PDB file of N, CA and C in Angstrom:
ATOM      1  N   MET A   1      37.572 -16.268 -32.818  1.00  0.00           N
ATOM      2  CA  MET A   1      36.882 -15.128 -32.242  1.00  0.00           C
ATOM      3  C   MET A   1      37.868 -14.369 -31.355  1.00  0.00           C
ATOM      4  N   ASP A   2      38.108 -13.122 -31.680  1.00  0.00           N
ATOM      5  CA  ASP A   2      38.995 -12.272 -30.896  1.00  0.00           C
ATOM      6  C   ASP A   2      38.158 -11.148 -30.295  1.00  0.00           C
ATOM      7  N   VAL A   3      37.706 -11.363 -29.069  1.00  0.00           N
ATOM      8  CA  VAL A   3      36.847 -10.403 -28.387  1.00  0.00           C
ATOM      9  C   VAL A   3      37.500 -10.042 -27.067  1.00  0.00           C
ATOM     10  N   THR A   4      37.461  -8.764 -26.733  1.00  0.00           N
ATOM     11  CA  THR A   4      38.012  -8.291 -25.477  1.00  0.00           C
ATOM     12  C   THR A   4      37.046  -7.277 -24.875  1.00  0.00           C
ATOM     13  N   THR A   5      37.339  -6.873 -23.653  1.00  0.00           N
ATOM     14  CA  THR A   5      36.529  -5.847 -23.000  1.00  0.00           C
ATOM     15  C   THR A   5      37.404  -4.658 -22.663  1.00  0.00           C
ATOM     16  N   LYS A   6      36.749  -3.509 -22.524  1.00  0.00           N
ATOM     17  CA  LYS A   6      37.486  -2.288 -22.222  1.00  0.00           C
ATOM     18  C   LYS A   6      36.513  -1.267 -21.653  1.00  0.00           C
ATOM     19  N   ARG A   7      36.995  -0.497 -20.728  1.00  0.00           N
ATOM     20  CA  ARG A   7      36.183   0.565 -20.157  1.00  0.00           C
ATOM     21  C   ARG A   7      36.009   1.681 -21.187  1.00  0.00           C
ATOM     22  N   ILE A   8      34.812   2.189 -21.335  1.00  0.00           N
ATOM     23  CA  ILE A   8      34.517   3.232 -22.327  1.00  0.00           C
ATOM     24  C   ILE A   8      35.328   4.495 -22.073  1.00  0.00           C
ATOM     25  N   TYR A   9      35.765   4.693 -20.838  1.00  0.00           N
ATOM     26  CA  TYR A   9      36.527   5.893 -20.476  1.00  0.00           C
ATOM     27  C   TYR A   9      38.010   5.773 -20.836  1.00  0.00           C
ATOM     28  N   SER A  10      38.450   4.593 -21.241  1.00  0.00           N
ATOM     29  CA  SER A  10      39.834   4.406 -21.678  1.00  0.00           C
ATOM     30  C   SER A  10      39.987   4.985 -23.084  1.00  0.00           C
ATOM     31  N   PRO A  11      41.196   5.438 -23.407  1.00  0.00           N
ATOM     32  CA  PRO A  11      41.401   6.014 -24.746  1.00  0.00           C
ATOM     33  C   PRO A  11      41.160   4.994 -25.859  1.00  0.00           C
ATOM     34  N   VAL A  12      40.666   5.484 -26.962  1.00  0.00           N
ATOM     35  CA  VAL A  12      40.484   4.653 -28.153  1.00  0.00           C
ATOM     36  C   VAL A  12      41.862   4.236 -28.652  1.00  0.00           C
ATOM     37  N   ALA A  13      41.991   2.978 -29.055  1.00  0.00           N
ATOM     38  CA  ALA A  13      43.264   2.459 -29.561  1.00  0.00           C
ATOM     39  C   ALA A  13      43.041   1.800 -30.913  1.00  0.00           C
ATOM     40  N   PRO A  14      44.039   1.844 -31.770  1.00  0.00           N
ATOM     41  CA  PRO A  14      43.894   1.220 -33.093  1.00  0.00           C
ATOM     42  C   PRO A  14      43.592  -0.275 -33.025  1.00  0.00           C
ATOM     43  N   ASP A  15      44.065  -0.962 -31.975  1.00  0.00           N
ATOM     44  CA  ASP A  15      43.833  -2.406 -31.886  1.00  0.00           C
ATOM     45  C   ASP A  15      42.489  -2.763 -31.239  1.00  0.00           C
ATOM     46  N   ASP A  16      41.635  -1.762 -30.993  1.00  0.00           N
ATOM     47  CA  ASP A  16      40.293  -2.042 -30.463  1.00  0.00           C
ATOM     48  C   ASP A  16      39.449  -2.803 -31.473  1.00  0.00           C
ATOM     49  N   GLY A  17      39.711  -2.595 -32.738  1.00  0.00           N
ATOM     50  CA  GLY A  17      38.883  -3.226 -33.755  1.00  0.00           C
ATOM     51  C   GLY A  17      37.500  -2.615 -33.769  1.00  0.00           C
ATOM     52  N   TYR A  18      36.496  -3.456 -33.890  1.00  0.00           N
ATOM     53  CA  TYR A  18      35.095  -3.031 -33.959  1.00  0.00           C
ATOM     54  C   TYR A  18      34.619  -2.773 -32.532  1.00  0.00           C
ATOM     55  N   ARG A  19      34.239  -1.536 -32.250  1.00  0.00           N
ATOM     56  CA  ARG A  19      33.899  -1.116 -30.882  1.00  0.00           C
ATOM     57  C   ARG A  19      32.390  -1.164 -30.650  1.00  0.00           C
ATOM     58  N   VAL A  20      31.978  -1.963 -29.639  1.00  0.00           N
ATOM     59  CA  VAL A  20      30.564  -2.161 -29.342  1.00  0.00           C
ATOM     60  C   VAL A  20      30.290  -1.782 -27.887  1.00  0.00           C
ATOM     61  N   LEU A  21      29.443  -0.779 -27.692  1.00  0.00           N
ATOM     62  CA  LEU A  21      29.005  -0.430 -26.341  1.00  0.00           C
ATOM     63  C   LEU A  21      27.912  -1.404 -25.939  1.00  0.00           C
ATOM     64  N   VAL A  22      28.094  -2.087 -24.800  1.00  0.00           N
ATOM     65  CA  VAL A  22      27.149  -3.113 -24.365  1.00  0.00           C
ATOM     66  C   VAL A  22      26.396  -2.697 -23.102  1.00  0.00           C
ATOM     67  N   ASP A  23      26.345  -1.408 -22.826  1.00  0.00           N
ATOM     68  CA  ASP A  23      25.568  -0.874 -21.702  1.00  0.00           C
ATOM     69  C   ASP A  23      24.200  -0.418 -22.187  1.00  0.00           C
ATOM     70  N   ARG A  24      23.208  -0.576 -21.337  1.00  0.00           N
ATOM     71  CA  ARG A  24      21.855  -0.133 -21.662  1.00  0.00           C
ATOM     72  C   ARG A  24      21.747   1.393 -21.616  1.00  0.00           C
ATOM     73  N   LEU A  25      22.494   2.000 -20.698  1.00  0.00           N
ATOM     74  CA  LEU A  25      22.456   3.461 -20.531  1.00  0.00           C
ATOM     75  C   LEU A  25      23.723   4.069 -21.123  1.00  0.00           C
ATOM     76  N   TRP A  26      23.575   5.270 -21.675  1.00  0.00           N
ATOM     77  CA  TRP A  26      24.748   5.958 -22.212  1.00  0.00           C
ATOM     78  C   TRP A  26      25.651   6.374 -21.053  1.00  0.00           C
ATOM     79  N   PRO A  27      26.962   6.161 -21.160  1.00  0.00           N
ATOM     80  CA  PRO A  27      27.887   6.497 -20.062  1.00  0.00           C
ATOM     81  C   PRO A  27      27.996   8.007 -19.846  1.00  0.00           C
ATOM     82  N   ARG A  28      28.003   8.381 -18.598  1.00  0.00           N
ATOM     83  CA  ARG A  28      28.095   9.798 -18.232  1.00  0.00           C
ATOM     84  C   ARG A  28      29.414  10.399 -18.673  1.00  0.00           C
ATOM     85  N   GLY A  29      29.335  11.618 -19.169  1.00  0.00           N
ATOM     86  CA  GLY A  29      30.536  12.371 -19.486  1.00  0.00           C
ATOM     87  C   GLY A  29      31.257  11.961 -20.751  1.00  0.00           C
ATOM     88  N   VAL A  30      30.662  11.088 -21.544  1.00  0.00           N
ATOM     89  CA  VAL A  30      31.296  10.636 -22.785  1.00  0.00           C
ATOM     90  C   VAL A  30      30.446  11.123 -23.955  1.00  0.00           C
ATOM     91  N   SER A  31      31.047  11.898 -24.829  1.00  0.00           N
ATOM     92  CA  SER A  31      30.313  12.332 -26.020  1.00  0.00           C
ATOM     93  C   SER A  31      30.321  11.213 -27.050  1.00  0.00           C
ATOM     94  N   LYS A  32      29.417  11.296 -27.985  1.00  0.00           N
ATOM     95  CA  LYS A  32      29.370  10.279 -29.041  1.00  0.00           C
ATOM     96  C   LYS A  32      30.657  10.297 -29.865  1.00  0.00           C
ATOM     97  N   ALA A  33      31.230  11.472 -30.064  1.00  0.00           N
ATOM     98  CA  ALA A  33      32.484  11.569 -30.812  1.00  0.00           C
ATOM     99  C   ALA A  33      33.622  10.908 -30.044  1.00  0.00           C
ATOM    100  N   GLU A  34      33.690  11.153 -28.724  1.00  0.00           N
ATOM    101  CA  GLU A  34      34.745  10.542 -27.903  1.00  0.00           C
ATOM    102  C   GLU A  34      34.614   9.021 -27.854  1.00  0.00           C
ATOM    103  N   ALA A  35      33.383   8.543 -27.845  1.00  0.00           N
ATOM    104  CA  ALA A  35      33.146   7.103 -27.737  1.00  0.00           C
ATOM    105  C   ALA A  35      33.648   6.364 -28.974  1.00  0.00           C
ATOM    106  N   ASP A  36      33.558   6.995 -30.119  1.00  0.00           N
ATOM    107  CA  ASP A  36      34.041   6.413 -31.374  1.00  0.00           C
ATOM    108  C   ASP A  36      33.521   4.975 -31.549  1.00  0.00           C
ATOM    109  N   LEU A  37      32.200   4.828 -31.448  1.00  0.00           N
ATOM    110  CA  LEU A  37      31.559   3.517 -31.509  1.00  0.00           C
ATOM    111  C   LEU A  37      31.282   3.082 -32.936  1.00  0.00           C
ATOM    112  N   ASP A  38      31.279   1.777 -33.106  1.00  0.00           N
ATOM    113  CA  ASP A  38      30.773   1.193 -34.342  1.00  0.00           C
ATOM    114  C   ASP A  38      29.330   0.735 -34.151  1.00  0.00           C
ATOM    115  N   LEU A  39      28.993   0.393 -32.903  1.00  0.00           N
ATOM    116  CA  LEU A  39      27.658  -0.119 -32.609  1.00  0.00           C
ATOM    117  C   LEU A  39      27.349   0.090 -31.131  1.00  0.00           C
ATOM    118  N   TRP A  40      26.104   0.493 -30.846  1.00  0.00           N
ATOM    119  CA  TRP A  40      25.620   0.526 -29.469  1.00  0.00           C
ATOM    120  C   TRP A  40      24.539  -0.543 -29.394  1.00  0.00           C
ATOM    121  N   LEU A  41      24.852  -1.641 -28.756  1.00  0.00           N
ATOM    122  CA  LEU A  41      23.944  -2.778 -28.654  1.00  0.00           C
ATOM    123  C   LEU A  41      23.363  -2.814 -27.242  1.00  0.00           C
ATOM    124  N   ARG A  42      22.503  -1.856 -26.956  1.00  0.00           N
ATOM    125  CA  ARG A  42      21.975  -1.695 -25.586  1.00  0.00           C
ATOM    126  C   ARG A  42      21.135  -2.883 -25.130  1.00  0.00           C
ATOM    127  N   ASP A  43      20.478  -3.565 -26.064  1.00  0.00           N
ATOM    128  CA  ASP A  43      19.594  -4.662 -25.665  1.00  0.00           C
ATOM    129  C   ASP A  43      20.327  -5.919 -25.222  1.00  0.00           C
ATOM    130  N   VAL A  44      21.651  -5.971 -25.414  1.00  0.00           N
ATOM    131  CA  VAL A  44      22.413  -7.132 -24.940  1.00  0.00           C
ATOM    132  C   VAL A  44      22.780  -6.980 -23.457  1.00  0.00           C
ATOM    133  N   ALA A  45      22.573  -5.800 -22.913  1.00  0.00           N
ATOM    134  CA  ALA A  45      22.860  -5.546 -21.494  1.00  0.00           C
ATOM    135  C   ALA A  45      21.838  -6.270 -20.616  1.00  0.00           C
ATOM    136  N   PRO A  46      22.168  -6.473 -19.346  1.00  0.00           N
ATOM    137  CA  PRO A  46      21.198  -7.106 -18.441  1.00  0.00           C
ATOM    138  C   PRO A  46      19.916  -6.286 -18.355  1.00  0.00           C
ATOM    139  N   SER A  47      18.819  -6.959 -18.083  1.00  0.00           N
ATOM    140  CA  SER A  47      17.544  -6.267 -17.919  1.00  0.00           C
ATOM    141  C   SER A  47      17.661  -5.271 -16.763  1.00  0.00           C
ATOM    142  N   PRO A  48      16.862  -4.209 -16.799  1.00  0.00           N
ATOM    143  CA  PRO A  48      16.908  -3.246 -15.679  1.00  0.00           C
ATOM    144  C   PRO A  48      16.652  -3.911 -14.320  1.00  0.00           C
ATOM    145  N   GLU A  49      15.763  -4.894 -14.295  1.00  0.00           N
ATOM    146  CA  GLU A  49      15.463  -5.580 -13.032  1.00  0.00           C
ATOM    147  C   GLU A  49      16.680  -6.351 -12.522  1.00  0.00           C
ATOM    148  N   LEU A  50      17.360  -7.035 -13.415  1.00  0.00           N
ATOM    149  CA  LEU A  50      18.548  -7.804 -13.012  1.00  0.00           C
ATOM    150  C   LEU A  50      19.675  -6.869 -12.591  1.00  0.00           C
ATOM    151  N   ARG A  51      19.863  -5.807 -13.335  1.00  0.00           N
ATOM    152  CA  ARG A  51      20.922  -4.843 -13.010  1.00  0.00           C
ATOM    153  C   ARG A  51      20.672  -4.216 -11.627  1.00  0.00           C
ATOM    154  N   THR A  52      19.412  -3.867 -11.348  1.00  0.00           N
ATOM    155  CA  THR A  52      19.066  -3.288 -10.053  1.00  0.00           C
ATOM    156  C   THR A  52      19.272  -4.302  -8.932  1.00  0.00           C
ATOM    157  N   TRP A  53      18.865  -5.546  -9.153  1.00  0.00           N
ATOM    158  CA  TRP A  53      19.047  -6.587  -8.133  1.00  0.00           C
ATOM    159  C   TRP A  53      20.522  -6.777  -7.823  1.00  0.00           C
ATOM    160  N   TRP A  54      21.355  -6.856  -8.846  1.00  0.00           N
ATOM    161  CA  TRP A  54      22.782  -7.127  -8.670  1.00  0.00           C
ATOM    162  C   TRP A  54      23.501  -5.966  -8.004  1.00  0.00           C
ATOM    163  N   ASP A  55      23.306  -4.763  -8.512  1.00  0.00           N
ATOM    164  CA  ASP A  55      23.926  -3.548  -7.981  1.00  0.00           C
ATOM    165  C   ASP A  55      25.452  -3.658  -7.889  1.00  0.00           C
ATOM    166  N   HIS A  56      26.063  -4.399  -8.817  1.00  0.00           N
ATOM    167  CA  HIS A  56      27.518  -4.598  -8.887  1.00  0.00           C
ATOM    168  C   HIS A  56      28.121  -5.112  -7.579  1.00  0.00           C
ATOM    169  N   ASP A  57      27.351  -5.901  -6.844  1.00  0.00           N
ATOM    170  CA  ASP A  57      27.816  -6.495  -5.596  1.00  0.00           C
ATOM    171  C   ASP A  57      28.672  -7.722  -5.927  1.00  0.00           C
ATOM    172  N   PRO A  58      29.975  -7.680  -5.617  1.00  0.00           N
ATOM    173  CA  PRO A  58      30.849  -8.819  -5.939  1.00  0.00           C
ATOM    174  C   PRO A  58      30.369 -10.138  -5.325  1.00  0.00           C
ATOM    175  N   ASP A  59      29.703 -10.070  -4.182  1.00  0.00           N
ATOM    176  CA  ASP A  59      29.216 -11.292  -3.539  1.00  0.00           C
ATOM    177  C   ASP A  59      28.081 -11.951  -4.321  1.00  0.00           C
ATOM    178  N   LYS A  60      27.418 -11.186  -5.187  1.00  0.00           N
ATOM    179  CA  LYS A  60      26.317 -11.712  -5.990  1.00  0.00           C
ATOM    180  C   LYS A  60      26.745 -12.062  -7.418  1.00  0.00           C
ATOM    181  N   LEU A  61      28.027 -11.955  -7.712  1.00  0.00           N
ATOM    182  CA  LEU A  61      28.486 -12.112  -9.096  1.00  0.00           C
ATOM    183  C   LEU A  61      28.121 -13.472  -9.695  1.00  0.00           C
ATOM    184  N   ALA A  62      28.320 -14.540  -8.968  1.00  0.00           N
ATOM    185  CA  ALA A  62      28.028 -15.882  -9.507  1.00  0.00           C
ATOM    186  C   ALA A  62      26.544 -16.025  -9.833  1.00  0.00           C
ATOM    187  N   GLU A  63      25.695 -15.591  -8.929  1.00  0.00           N
ATOM    188  CA  GLU A  63      24.247 -15.666  -9.169  1.00  0.00           C
ATOM    189  C   GLU A  63      23.843 -14.723 -10.303  1.00  0.00           C
ATOM    190  N   PHE A  64      24.451 -13.538 -10.334  1.00  0.00           N
ATOM    191  CA  PHE A  64      24.182 -12.596 -11.423  1.00  0.00           C
ATOM    192  C   PHE A  64      24.552 -13.230 -12.764  1.00  0.00           C
ATOM    193  N   ALA A  65      25.725 -13.852 -12.839  1.00  0.00           N
ATOM    194  CA  ALA A  65      26.182 -14.464 -14.085  1.00  0.00           C
ATOM    195  C   ALA A  65      25.202 -15.544 -14.552  1.00  0.00           C
ATOM    196  N   ALA A  66      24.721 -16.351 -13.639  1.00  0.00           N
ATOM    197  CA  ALA A  66      23.772 -17.403 -13.998  1.00  0.00           C
ATOM    198  C   ALA A  66      22.466 -16.793 -14.527  1.00  0.00           C
ATOM    199  N   ARG A  67      21.980 -15.768 -13.862  1.00  0.00           N
ATOM    200  CA  ARG A  67      20.733 -15.127 -14.297  1.00  0.00           C
ATOM    201  C   ARG A  67      20.923 -14.393 -15.627  1.00  0.00           C
ATOM    202  N   TYR A  68      22.054 -13.741 -15.777  1.00  0.00           N
ATOM    203  CA  TYR A  68      22.332 -13.008 -17.016  1.00  0.00           C
ATOM    204  C   TYR A  68      22.493 -13.979 -18.182  1.00  0.00           C
ATOM    205  N   ASP A  69      23.190 -15.092 -17.959  1.00  0.00           N
ATOM    206  CA  ASP A  69      23.322 -16.116 -19.000  1.00  0.00           C
ATOM    207  C   ASP A  69      21.941 -16.609 -19.445  1.00  0.00           C
ATOM    208  N   ALA A  70      21.046 -16.800 -18.491  1.00  0.00           N
ATOM    209  CA  ALA A  70      19.689 -17.249 -18.820  1.00  0.00           C
ATOM    210  C   ALA A  70      18.966 -16.200 -19.662  1.00  0.00           C
ATOM    211  N   GLU A  71      19.157 -14.932 -19.340  1.00  0.00           N
ATOM    212  CA  GLU A  71      18.568 -13.870 -20.157  1.00  0.00           C
ATOM    213  C   GLU A  71      19.148 -13.898 -21.568  1.00  0.00           C
ATOM    214  N   LEU A  72      20.462 -14.048 -21.652  1.00  0.00           N
ATOM    215  CA  LEU A  72      21.128 -14.033 -22.955  1.00  0.00           C
ATOM    216  C   LEU A  72      20.682 -15.191 -23.842  1.00  0.00           C
ATOM    217  N   ASP A  73      20.373 -16.323 -23.238  1.00  0.00           N
ATOM    218  CA  ASP A  73      19.925 -17.488 -24.005  1.00  0.00           C
ATOM    219  C   ASP A  73      18.671 -17.186 -24.825  1.00  0.00           C
ATOM    220  N   HIS A  74      17.882 -16.210 -24.375  1.00  0.00           N
ATOM    221  CA  HIS A  74      16.611 -15.880 -25.038  1.00  0.00           C
ATOM    222  C   HIS A  74      16.616 -14.464 -25.612  1.00  0.00           C
ATOM    223  N   ASN A  75      17.793 -13.897 -25.780  1.00  0.00           N
ATOM    224  CA  ASN A  75      17.907 -12.508 -26.205  1.00  0.00           C
ATOM    225  C   ASN A  75      18.414 -12.430 -27.645  1.00  0.00           C
ATOM    226  N   PRO A  76      17.595 -11.902 -28.564  1.00  0.00           N
ATOM    227  CA  PRO A  76      18.048 -11.770 -29.951  1.00  0.00           C
ATOM    228  C   PRO A  76      19.298 -10.896 -30.103  1.00  0.00           C
ATOM    229  N   ALA A  77      19.511  -9.969 -29.189  1.00  0.00           N
ATOM    230  CA  ALA A  77      20.705  -9.117 -29.250  1.00  0.00           C
ATOM    231  C   ALA A  77      21.973  -9.941 -29.038  1.00  0.00           C
ATOM    232  N   ALA A  78      21.897 -11.012 -28.262  1.00  0.00           N
ATOM    233  CA  ALA A  78      23.062 -11.885 -28.069  1.00  0.00           C
ATOM    234  C   ALA A  78      23.410 -12.583 -29.376  1.00  0.00           C
ATOM    235  N   THR A  79      22.402 -12.982 -30.120  1.00  0.00           N
ATOM    236  CA  THR A  79      22.628 -13.581 -31.440  1.00  0.00           C
ATOM    237  C   THR A  79      23.259 -12.555 -32.375  1.00  0.00           C
ATOM    238  N   GLU A  80      22.755 -11.331 -32.333  1.00  0.00           N
ATOM    239  CA  GLU A  80      23.330 -10.264 -33.154  1.00  0.00           C
ATOM    240  C   GLU A  80      24.797 -10.037 -32.809  1.00  0.00           C
ATOM    241  N   LEU A  81      25.115 -10.052 -31.510  1.00  0.00           N
ATOM    242  CA  LEU A  81      26.501  -9.856 -31.094  1.00  0.00           C
ATOM    243  C   LEU A  81      27.387 -11.007 -31.572  1.00  0.00           C
ATOM    244  N   ARG A  82      26.889 -12.223 -31.521  1.00  0.00           N
ATOM    245  CA  ARG A  82      27.661 -13.364 -32.043  1.00  0.00           C
ATOM    246  C   ARG A  82      27.978 -13.171 -33.522  1.00  0.00           C
ATOM    247  N   LEU A  83      27.009 -12.671 -34.274  1.00  0.00           N
ATOM    248  CA  LEU A  83      27.239 -12.411 -35.704  1.00  0.00           C
ATOM    249  C   LEU A  83      28.299 -11.332 -35.900  1.00  0.00           C
ATOM    250  N   VAL A  84      28.252 -10.307 -35.073  1.00  0.00           N
ATOM    251  CA  VAL A  84      29.259  -9.235 -35.147  1.00  0.00           C
ATOM    252  C   VAL A  84      30.649  -9.808 -34.904  1.00  0.00           C
ATOM    253  N   THR A  85      30.770 -10.720 -33.940  1.00  0.00           N
ATOM    254  CA  THR A  85      32.089 -11.302 -33.636  1.00  0.00           C
ATOM    255  C   THR A  85      32.585 -12.181 -34.778  1.00  0.00           C
ATOM    256  N   GLN A  86      31.670 -12.714 -35.572  1.00  0.00           N
ATOM    257  CA  GLN A  86      32.062 -13.529 -36.724  1.00  0.00           C
ATOM    258  C   GLN A  86      32.440 -12.662 -37.928  1.00  0.00           C
ATOM    259  N   GLU A  87      31.858 -11.456 -38.003  1.00  0.00           N
ATOM    260  CA  GLU A  87      32.078 -10.575 -39.154  1.00  0.00           C
ATOM    261  C   GLU A  87      33.331  -9.715 -39.034  1.00  0.00           C
ATOM    262  N   HIS A  88      33.848  -9.560 -37.822  1.00  0.00           N
ATOM    263  CA  HIS A  88      34.982  -8.662 -37.600  1.00  0.00           C
ATOM    264  C   HIS A  88      36.125  -9.430 -36.933  1.00  0.00           C
ATOM    265  N   PRO A  89      37.358  -9.167 -37.388  1.00  0.00           N
ATOM    266  CA  PRO A  89      38.494  -9.900 -36.827  1.00  0.00           C
ATOM    267  C   PRO A  89      38.743  -9.605 -35.355  1.00  0.00           C
ATOM    268  N   ARG A  90      38.403  -8.424 -34.901  1.00  0.00           N
ATOM    269  CA  ARG A  90      38.588  -8.060 -33.483  1.00  0.00           C
ATOM    270  C   ARG A  90      37.402  -7.216 -33.049  1.00  0.00           C
ATOM    271  N   VAL A  91      36.839  -7.555 -31.894  1.00  0.00           N
ATOM    272  CA  VAL A  91      35.706  -6.822 -31.331  1.00  0.00           C
ATOM    273  C   VAL A  91      36.043  -6.461 -29.893  1.00  0.00           C
ATOM    274  N   THR A  92      35.780  -5.206 -29.526  1.00  0.00           N
ATOM    275  CA  THR A  92      35.965  -4.757 -28.152  1.00  0.00           C
ATOM    276  C   THR A  92      34.602  -4.401 -27.571  1.00  0.00           C
ATOM    277  N   LEU A  93      34.247  -5.078 -26.477  1.00  0.00           N
ATOM    278  CA  LEU A  93      33.010  -4.792 -25.757  1.00  0.00           C
ATOM    279  C   LEU A  93      33.296  -3.669 -24.765  1.00  0.00           C
ATOM    280  N   LEU A  94      32.593  -2.571 -24.907  1.00  0.00           N
ATOM    281  CA  LEU A  94      32.814  -1.402 -24.059  1.00  0.00           C
ATOM    282  C   LEU A  94      31.756  -1.325 -22.968  1.00  0.00           C
ATOM    283  N   TYR A  95      32.191  -0.963 -21.772  1.00  0.00           N
ATOM    284  CA  TYR A  95      31.304  -0.858 -20.619  1.00  0.00           C
ATOM    285  C   TYR A  95      31.734   0.346 -19.783  1.00  0.00           C
ATOM    286  N   ALA A  96      30.841   0.825 -18.897  1.00  0.00           N
ATOM    287  CA  ALA A  96      31.142   2.003 -18.088  1.00  0.00           C
ATOM    288  C   ALA A  96      31.464   1.671 -16.631  1.00  0.00           C
ATOM    289  N   ALA A  97      31.206   0.468 -16.192  1.00  0.00           N
ATOM    290  CA  ALA A  97      31.425   0.101 -14.783  1.00  0.00           C
ATOM    291  C   ALA A  97      32.868   0.384 -14.363  1.00  0.00           C
ATOM    292  N   ARG A  98      33.048   0.689 -13.093  1.00  0.00           N
ATOM    293  CA  ARG A  98      34.382   1.038 -12.585  1.00  0.00           C
ATOM    294  C   ARG A  98      35.302  -0.167 -12.414  1.00  0.00           C
ATOM    295  N   ASP A  99      34.726  -1.273 -11.961  1.00  0.00           N
ATOM    296  CA  ASP A  99      35.536  -2.449 -11.659  1.00  0.00           C
ATOM    297  C   ASP A  99      35.781  -3.262 -12.936  1.00  0.00           C
ATOM    298  N   PRO A 100      37.049  -3.452 -13.324  1.00  0.00           N
ATOM    299  CA  PRO A 100      37.322  -4.182 -14.567  1.00  0.00           C
ATOM    300  C   PRO A 100      37.049  -5.681 -14.478  1.00  0.00           C
ATOM    301  N   ARG A 101      36.871  -6.214 -13.275  1.00  0.00           N
ATOM    302  CA  ARG A 101      36.621  -7.646 -13.113  1.00  0.00           C
ATOM    303  C   ARG A 101      35.162  -7.955 -12.783  1.00  0.00           C
ATOM    304  N   VAL A 102      34.503  -7.037 -12.086  1.00  0.00           N
ATOM    305  CA  VAL A 102      33.117  -7.264 -11.663  1.00  0.00           C
ATOM    306  C   VAL A 102      32.217  -6.341 -12.479  1.00  0.00           C
ATOM    307  N   ASN A 103      31.846  -6.828 -13.655  1.00  0.00           N
ATOM    308  CA  ASN A 103      30.933  -6.075 -14.516  1.00  0.00           C
ATOM    309  C   ASN A 103      30.279  -7.038 -15.502  1.00  0.00           C
ATOM    310  N   HIS A 104      29.181  -6.607 -16.070  1.00  0.00           N
ATOM    311  CA  HIS A 104      28.428  -7.495 -16.962  1.00  0.00           C
ATOM    312  C   HIS A 104      29.174  -7.801 -18.255  1.00  0.00           C
ATOM    313  N   ALA A 105      30.078  -6.927 -18.686  1.00  0.00           N
ATOM    314  CA  ALA A 105      30.824  -7.182 -19.924  1.00  0.00           C
ATOM    315  C   ALA A 105      31.712  -8.425 -19.784  1.00  0.00           C
ATOM    316  N   GLN A 106      32.254  -8.656 -18.598  1.00  0.00           N
ATOM    317  CA  GLN A 106      33.060  -9.862 -18.372  1.00  0.00           C
ATOM    318  C   GLN A 106      32.197 -11.114 -18.461  1.00  0.00           C
ATOM    319  N   VAL A 107      30.990 -11.026 -17.904  1.00  0.00           N
ATOM    320  CA  VAL A 107      30.060 -12.160 -17.978  1.00  0.00           C
ATOM    321  C   VAL A 107      29.657 -12.394 -19.431  1.00  0.00           C
ATOM    322  N   LEU A 108      29.396 -11.309 -20.158  1.00  0.00           N
ATOM    323  CA  LEU A 108      29.033 -11.400 -21.562  1.00  0.00           C
ATOM    324  C   LEU A 108      30.166 -12.017 -22.380  1.00  0.00           C
ATOM    325  N   LEU A 109      31.388 -11.608 -22.109  1.00  0.00           N
ATOM    326  CA  LEU A 109      32.549 -12.182 -22.800  1.00  0.00           C
ATOM    327  C   LEU A 109      32.632 -13.696 -22.549  1.00  0.00           C
ATOM    328  N   ALA A 110      32.479 -14.116 -21.309  1.00  0.00           N
ATOM    329  CA  ALA A 110      32.515 -15.544 -20.979  1.00  0.00           C
ATOM    330  C   ALA A 110      31.381 -16.285 -21.685  1.00  0.00           C
ATOM    331  N   TYR A 111      30.222 -15.673 -21.774  1.00  0.00           N
ATOM    332  CA  TYR A 111      29.087 -16.269 -22.472  1.00  0.00           C
ATOM    333  C   TYR A 111      29.419 -16.477 -23.946  1.00  0.00           C
ATOM    334  N   LEU A 112      30.015 -15.479 -24.565  1.00  0.00           N
ATOM    335  CA  LEU A 112      30.370 -15.582 -25.993  1.00  0.00           C
ATOM    336  C   LEU A 112      31.433 -16.646 -26.224  1.00  0.00           C
ATOM    337  N   GLU A 113      32.340 -16.809 -25.293  1.00  0.00           N
ATOM    338  CA  GLU A 113      33.429 -17.781 -25.439  1.00  0.00           C
ATOM    339  C   GLU A 113      32.979 -19.215 -25.184  1.00  0.00           C
ATOM    340  N   ALA A 114      31.851 -19.366 -24.484  1.00  0.00           N
ATOM    341  CA  ALA A 114      31.357 -20.720 -24.137  1.00  0.00           C
ATOM    342  C   ALA A 114      30.738 -21.410 -25.343  1.00  0.00           C
TER     343      ALA A 114
END
């Protein structure tokens, strides 16, 4: 499994492989053409309630990860994403958050690797 993460605002690169947006909301200022997506899997993102509770607070990251993992365990979209990672040699999970280390895509990547 070759999966990586990347900010949606970064330029598209040939080595991105299969590009999957994993945000529930469409990123501001990005057109569909610029995004150059293969799939928008919005349902794999954290629930609105969890996202609001977390508010990208680095101090809550560990608790957020535990809660998000629990959501993913019962989320059919997580199963769909696992299938996508098996069908494509390289998958890039795209997210809009500013912090490259504190975002749900990193938690999702760790979940897929576990």
